[in-house]
């Protein structure tokens, strides 16, 4: 993660920095956020970022992890009808 100075705030005031995430870092964070049983909020806290940014990345096809293979749309099972007389 790299940072740049976002401006001068004077003495005694904390400087704000803007973090620049590489595409590989974004993909890795999105992959962690979509793991089963993992909260996006927890991943965001781990990286000291806002969860909304992760959700934004997840909407972008460049960073969203590939979805698992879809099961067959229709799955038919043999059924045997029993009639009683």
C-alpha atoms as a PDB file:
ATOM      1  CA  UNK A   1       0.000   0.000   0.000  1.00  0.00           C
ATOM      2  CA  UNK A   2       1.429   3.360  -0.933  1.00  0.00           C
ATOM      3  CA  UNK A   3       0.462   6.772   0.399  1.00  0.00           C
ATOM      4  CA  UNK A   4       0.538  10.320  -0.842  1.00  0.00           C
ATOM      5  CA  UNK A   5       0.319  13.546   1.099  1.00  0.00           C
ATOM      6  CA  UNK A   6      -3.098  15.102   0.632  1.00  0.00           C
ATOM      7  CA  UNK A   7      -2.164  18.589   1.775  1.00  0.00           C
ATOM      8  CA  UNK A   8      -0.643  20.732   4.490  1.00  0.00           C
ATOM      9  CA  UNK A   9      -2.616  21.190   7.703  1.00  0.00           C
ATOM     10  CA  UNK A  10      -0.140  23.157   9.795  1.00  0.00           C
ATOM     11  CA  UNK A  11       1.595  22.303  13.038  1.00  0.00           C
ATOM     12  CA  UNK A  12      -0.170  20.145  15.591  1.00  0.00           C
ATOM     13  CA  UNK A  13      -2.732  18.798  13.148  1.00  0.00           C
ATOM     14  CA  UNK A  14      -2.521  15.235  11.909  1.00  0.00           C
ATOM     15  CA  UNK A  15      -1.827  14.844   8.225  1.00  0.00           C
ATOM     16  CA  UNK A  16      -4.290  12.898   6.169  1.00  0.00           C
ATOM     17  CA  UNK A  17      -2.978  10.495   3.597  1.00  0.00           C
ATOM     18  CA  UNK A  18      -4.784   8.892   0.724  1.00  0.00           C
ATOM     19  CA  UNK A  19      -4.079   5.215   0.337  1.00  0.00           C
ATOM     20  CA  UNK A  20      -3.606   3.881  -3.147  1.00  0.00           C
ATOM     21  CA  UNK A  21      -4.420   0.189  -3.491  1.00  0.00           C
ATOM     22  CA  UNK A  22      -2.913  -1.787  -6.347  1.00  0.00           C
ATOM     23  CA  UNK A  23      -5.203  -3.933  -8.479  1.00  0.00           C
ATOM     24  CA  UNK A  24      -3.730  -7.093  -6.931  1.00  0.00           C
ATOM     25  CA  UNK A  25      -4.383  -5.766  -3.414  1.00  0.00           C
ATOM     26  CA  UNK A  26      -7.960  -4.921  -4.356  1.00  0.00           C
ATOM     27  CA  UNK A  27      -8.523  -8.408  -5.777  1.00  0.00           C
ATOM     28  CA  UNK A  28      -7.054 -10.022  -2.656  1.00  0.00           C
ATOM     29  CA  UNK A  29      -9.236  -7.922  -0.336  1.00  0.00           C
ATOM     30  CA  UNK A  30     -12.355  -8.714  -2.394  1.00  0.00           C
ATOM     31  CA  UNK A  31     -11.489 -12.412  -2.318  1.00  0.00           C
ATOM     32  CA  UNK A  32     -11.171 -12.322   1.481  1.00  0.00           C
ATOM     33  CA  UNK A  33     -14.426 -10.392   1.807  1.00  0.00           C
ATOM     34  CA  UNK A  34     -16.388 -12.977  -0.192  1.00  0.00           C
ATOM     35  CA  UNK A  35     -15.088 -16.039   1.651  1.00  0.00           C
ATOM     36  CA  UNK A  36     -17.841 -18.110   3.297  1.00  0.00           C
ATOM     37  CA  UNK A  37     -18.599 -16.993   6.846  1.00  0.00           C
ATOM     38  CA  UNK A  38     -16.550 -13.790   6.590  1.00  0.00           C
ATOM     39  CA  UNK A  39     -18.006 -10.345   7.204  1.00  0.00           C
ATOM     40  CA  UNK A  40     -17.092  -7.529   4.817  1.00  0.00           C
ATOM     41  CA  UNK A  41     -17.023  -5.236   7.843  1.00  0.00           C
ATOM     42  CA  UNK A  42     -14.364  -7.406   9.546  1.00  0.00           C
ATOM     43  CA  UNK A  43     -12.190  -7.366   6.422  1.00  0.00           C
ATOM     44  CA  UNK A  44     -12.585  -3.582   6.216  1.00  0.00           C
ATOM     45  CA  UNK A  45     -11.550  -3.217   9.858  1.00  0.00           C
ATOM     46  CA  UNK A  46      -8.492  -5.374   9.272  1.00  0.00           C
ATOM     47  CA  UNK A  47      -7.313  -3.031   6.522  1.00  0.00           C
ATOM     48  CA  UNK A  48      -8.475   0.152   8.321  1.00  0.00           C
ATOM     49  CA  UNK A  49     -10.833   1.092   5.527  1.00  0.00           C
ATOM     50  CA  UNK A  50     -14.525   1.711   4.985  1.00  0.00           C
ATOM     51  CA  UNK A  51     -16.649  -1.318   4.084  1.00  0.00           C
ATOM     52  CA  UNK A  52     -18.415   0.762   1.422  1.00  0.00           C
ATOM     53  CA  UNK A  53     -15.177   0.864  -0.555  1.00  0.00           C
ATOM     54  CA  UNK A  54     -15.026  -2.938  -0.581  1.00  0.00           C
ATOM     55  CA  UNK A  55     -18.653  -3.130  -1.739  1.00  0.00           C
ATOM     56  CA  UNK A  56     -17.782  -0.666  -4.513  1.00  0.00           C
ATOM     57  CA  UNK A  57     -14.866  -2.841  -5.602  1.00  0.00           C
ATOM     58  CA  UNK A  58     -17.069  -5.949  -5.532  1.00  0.00           C
ATOM     59  CA  UNK A  59     -19.404  -4.328  -8.090  1.00  0.00           C
ATOM     60  CA  UNK A  60     -16.448  -3.764 -10.416  1.00  0.00           C
ATOM     61  CA  UNK A  61     -15.838  -6.836 -12.629  1.00  0.00           C
ATOM     62  CA  UNK A  62     -12.066  -6.209 -12.540  1.00  0.00           C
ATOM     63  CA  UNK A  63     -11.856  -6.899  -8.810  1.00  0.00           C
ATOM     64  CA  UNK A  64     -14.823  -9.126  -8.016  1.00  0.00           C
ATOM     65  CA  UNK A  65     -13.741 -12.724  -7.551  1.00  0.00           C
ATOM     66  CA  UNK A  66     -15.101 -15.186 -10.047  1.00  0.00           C
ATOM     67  CA  UNK A  67     -18.323 -16.744  -8.865  1.00  0.00           C
ATOM     68  CA  UNK A  68     -18.304 -20.493  -8.338  1.00  0.00           C
ATOM     69  CA  UNK A  69     -19.672 -22.636 -11.133  1.00  0.00           C
ATOM     70  CA  UNK A  70     -23.431 -22.510 -11.267  1.00  0.00           C
ATOM     71  CA  UNK A  71     -25.163 -25.831 -10.733  1.00  0.00           C
ATOM     72  CA  UNK A  72     -27.368 -27.111 -13.530  1.00  0.00           C
ATOM     73  CA  UNK A  73     -30.417 -24.895 -13.904  1.00  0.00           C
ATOM     74  CA  UNK A  74     -32.828 -27.811 -13.724  1.00  0.00           C
ATOM     75  CA  UNK A  75     -32.195 -31.065 -11.993  1.00  0.00           C
ATOM     76  CA  UNK A  76     -34.836 -33.734 -12.496  1.00  0.00           C
ATOM     77  CA  UNK A  77     -35.036 -36.888 -10.449  1.00  0.00           C
ATOM     78  CA  UNK A  78     -36.963 -39.997 -11.434  1.00  0.00           C
ATOM     79  CA  UNK A  79     -40.306 -40.275  -9.647  1.00  0.00           C
ATOM     80  CA  UNK A  80     -42.388 -43.360  -9.320  1.00  0.00           C
ATOM     81  CA  UNK A  81     -46.100 -42.878  -8.701  1.00  0.00           C
ATOM     82  CA  UNK A  82     -47.686 -45.538  -6.538  1.00  0.00           C
ATOM     83  CA  UNK A  83     -51.406 -46.095  -6.854  1.00  0.00           C
ATOM     84  CA  UNK A  84     -53.422 -48.128  -4.489  1.00  0.00           C
ATOM     85  CA  UNK A  85     -56.776 -49.697  -5.310  1.00  0.00           C
END
